[in-house]
Amino acid sequence: MTARPLLLVGAAEQVKQALVRVRAHPRDWVPVGALDDDPDTHGLDLDGVPVLGSPELVHLLPDAALLACDPSVVDRLGLPIDRWVRVS
């Protein structure tokens, strides 16, 4: 099984917390970036994962699965539910 690219969507601190769970499943997920509304975080590195920009950039990586670190982004972005994943 090949690990699937994963974008983490939410505030920086939420992303850092989610990365702990994501990295517990290295065969399933490869974190390729984070998306955060706060422009001050854009370009930063969160524990080895770059903050690429705002959540609206999800369309630039259509093959990546999305992990909502902030549940409010799911409704706001209006993407198909099959783009979103859960990591336990």
C-alpha atoms as a PDB file:
ATOM      1  CA  MET A   1       0.000   0.000   0.000  1.00  0.00           C
ATOM      2  CA  THR A   2       1.306   3.422  -0.944  1.00  0.00           C
ATOM      3  CA  ALA A   3       0.974   6.291   1.503  1.00  0.00           C
ATOM      4  CA  ARG A   4      -1.462   8.953   0.321  1.00  0.00           C
ATOM      5  CA  PRO A   5      -0.556  12.673   0.291  1.00  0.00           C
ATOM      6  CA  LEU A   6      -2.334  14.594   3.039  1.00  0.00           C
ATOM      7  CA  LEU A   7      -3.074  18.293   3.528  1.00  0.00           C
ATOM      8  CA  LEU A   8      -3.835  19.402   7.074  1.00  0.00           C
ATOM      9  CA  VAL A   9      -6.345  22.251   7.226  1.00  0.00           C
ATOM     10  CA  GLY A  10      -6.629  24.444  10.321  1.00  0.00           C
ATOM     11  CA  ALA A  11      -4.763  26.676  12.718  1.00  0.00           C
ATOM     12  CA  ALA A  12      -1.058  26.022  13.260  1.00  0.00           C
ATOM     13  CA  GLU A  13      -1.423  24.640  16.798  1.00  0.00           C
ATOM     14  CA  GLN A  14      -4.232  22.324  15.684  1.00  0.00           C
ATOM     15  CA  VAL A  15      -2.081  21.106  12.813  1.00  0.00           C
ATOM     16  CA  LYS A  16       0.822  20.333  15.153  1.00  0.00           C
ATOM     17  CA  GLN A  17      -1.472  18.269  17.381  1.00  0.00           C
ATOM     18  CA  ALA A  18      -2.912  16.397  14.403  1.00  0.00           C
ATOM     19  CA  LEU A  19       0.566  15.625  13.075  1.00  0.00           C
ATOM     20  CA  VAL A  20       1.185  13.404  16.096  1.00  0.00           C
ATOM     21  CA  ARG A  21      -1.745  11.192  15.038  1.00  0.00           C
ATOM     22  CA  VAL A  22      -0.843  11.335  11.341  1.00  0.00           C
ATOM     23  CA  ARG A  23       2.738  10.275  11.958  1.00  0.00           C
ATOM     24  CA  ALA A  24       1.523   7.248  13.885  1.00  0.00           C
ATOM     25  CA  HIS A  25       0.341   5.934  10.475  1.00  0.00           C
ATOM     26  CA  PRO A  26       3.337   6.499   8.144  1.00  0.00           C
ATOM     27  CA  ARG A  27       2.211   3.786   5.722  1.00  0.00           C
ATOM     28  CA  ASP A  28      -1.127   5.525   5.218  1.00  0.00           C
ATOM     29  CA  TRP A  29      -0.287   9.248   5.047  1.00  0.00           C
ATOM     30  CA  VAL A  30       2.447  11.589   3.850  1.00  0.00           C
ATOM     31  CA  PRO A  31       1.833  15.132   5.135  1.00  0.00           C
ATOM     32  CA  VAL A  32       2.592  17.395   2.173  1.00  0.00           C
ATOM     33  CA  GLY A  33       1.446  20.707   3.613  1.00  0.00           C
ATOM     34  CA  ALA A  34      -0.771  22.668   5.935  1.00  0.00           C
ATOM     35  CA  LEU A  35      -3.337  25.333   5.115  1.00  0.00           C
ATOM     36  CA  ASP A  36      -4.090  28.066   7.650  1.00  0.00           C
ATOM     37  CA  ASP A  37      -6.188  31.247   7.506  1.00  0.00           C
ATOM     38  CA  ASP A  38      -3.536  33.199   9.415  1.00  0.00           C
ATOM     39  CA  PRO A  39      -1.238  34.869   6.846  1.00  0.00           C
ATOM     40  CA  ASP A  40       1.467  35.157   9.509  1.00  0.00           C
ATOM     41  CA  THR A  41       1.897  31.369   9.358  1.00  0.00           C
ATOM     42  CA  HIS A  42       2.179  31.138   5.560  1.00  0.00           C
ATOM     43  CA  GLY A  43       5.660  29.976   4.637  1.00  0.00           C
ATOM     44  CA  LEU A  44       6.407  28.634   8.109  1.00  0.00           C
ATOM     45  CA  ASP A  45       7.446  25.084   8.865  1.00  0.00           C
ATOM     46  CA  LEU A  46       5.284  23.186  11.370  1.00  0.00           C
ATOM     47  CA  ASP A  47       7.290  20.219  12.590  1.00  0.00           C
ATOM     48  CA  GLY A  48       8.580  19.566   9.075  1.00  0.00           C
ATOM     49  CA  VAL A  49       5.357  20.409   7.228  1.00  0.00           C
ATOM     50  CA  PRO A  50       5.215  23.680   5.252  1.00  0.00           C
ATOM     51  CA  VAL A  51       2.279  26.051   5.650  1.00  0.00           C
ATOM     52  CA  LEU A  52       1.387  26.604   2.000  1.00  0.00           C
ATOM     53  CA  GLY A  53      -1.228  29.319   2.430  1.00  0.00           C
ATOM     54  CA  SER A  54      -4.943  29.681   3.079  1.00  0.00           C
ATOM     55  CA  PRO A  55      -7.453  26.795   3.054  1.00  0.00           C
ATOM     56  CA  GLU A  56      -8.832  27.968  -0.284  1.00  0.00           C
ATOM     57  CA  LEU A  57      -5.664  26.538  -1.890  1.00  0.00           C
ATOM     58  CA  VAL A  58      -6.940  22.954  -1.478  1.00  0.00           C
ATOM     59  CA  HIS A  59      -7.797  22.991  -5.180  1.00  0.00           C
ATOM     60  CA  LEU A  60      -4.094  23.164  -6.081  1.00  0.00           C
ATOM     61  CA  LEU A  61      -3.559  19.606  -4.825  1.00  0.00           C
ATOM     62  CA  PRO A  62      -6.662  17.723  -5.993  1.00  0.00           C
ATOM     63  CA  ASP A  63      -5.192  14.282  -5.296  1.00  0.00           C
ATOM     64  CA  ALA A  64      -4.357  15.006  -1.665  1.00  0.00           C
ATOM     65  CA  ALA A  65      -6.649  13.840   1.093  1.00  0.00           C
ATOM     66  CA  LEU A  66      -7.721  16.546   3.534  1.00  0.00           C
ATOM     67  CA  LEU A  67      -7.663  16.392   7.315  1.00  0.00           C
ATOM     68  CA  ALA A  68      -9.801  19.053   9.003  1.00  0.00           C
ATOM     69  CA  CYS A  69      -7.879  20.117  12.095  1.00  0.00           C
ATOM     70  CA  ASP A  70     -10.636  22.719  12.558  1.00  0.00           C
ATOM     71  CA  PRO A  71     -14.073  21.204  11.826  1.00  0.00           C
ATOM     72  CA  SER A  72     -15.502  24.539  10.648  1.00  0.00           C
ATOM     73  CA  VAL A  73     -13.446  24.394   7.435  1.00  0.00           C
ATOM     74  CA  VAL A  74     -15.396  21.401   6.117  1.00  0.00           C
ATOM     75  CA  ASP A  75     -18.610  23.383   5.620  1.00  0.00           C
ATOM     76  CA  ARG A  76     -16.820  26.560   4.646  1.00  0.00           C
ATOM     77  CA  LEU A  77     -14.881  24.993   1.781  1.00  0.00           C
ATOM     78  CA  GLY A  78     -17.860  23.023   0.471  1.00  0.00           C
ATOM     79  CA  LEU A  79     -15.770  20.163  -0.914  1.00  0.00           C
ATOM     80  CA  PRO A  80     -17.090  16.645  -1.490  1.00  0.00           C
ATOM     81  CA  ILE A  81     -17.081  14.631   1.711  1.00  0.00           C
ATOM     82  CA  ASP A  82     -14.831  11.979   0.143  1.00  0.00           C
ATOM     83  CA  ARG A  83     -11.929  14.471   0.073  1.00  0.00           C
ATOM     84  CA  TRP A  84     -11.907  14.525   3.891  1.00  0.00           C
ATOM     85  CA  VAL A  85     -10.361  11.802   6.027  1.00  0.00           C
ATOM     86  CA  ARG A  86     -10.166  10.912   9.694  1.00  0.00           C
ATOM     87  CA  VAL A  87      -6.974   9.869  11.381  1.00  0.00           C
ATOM     88  CA  SER A  88      -7.269   8.156  14.742  1.00  0.00           C
END
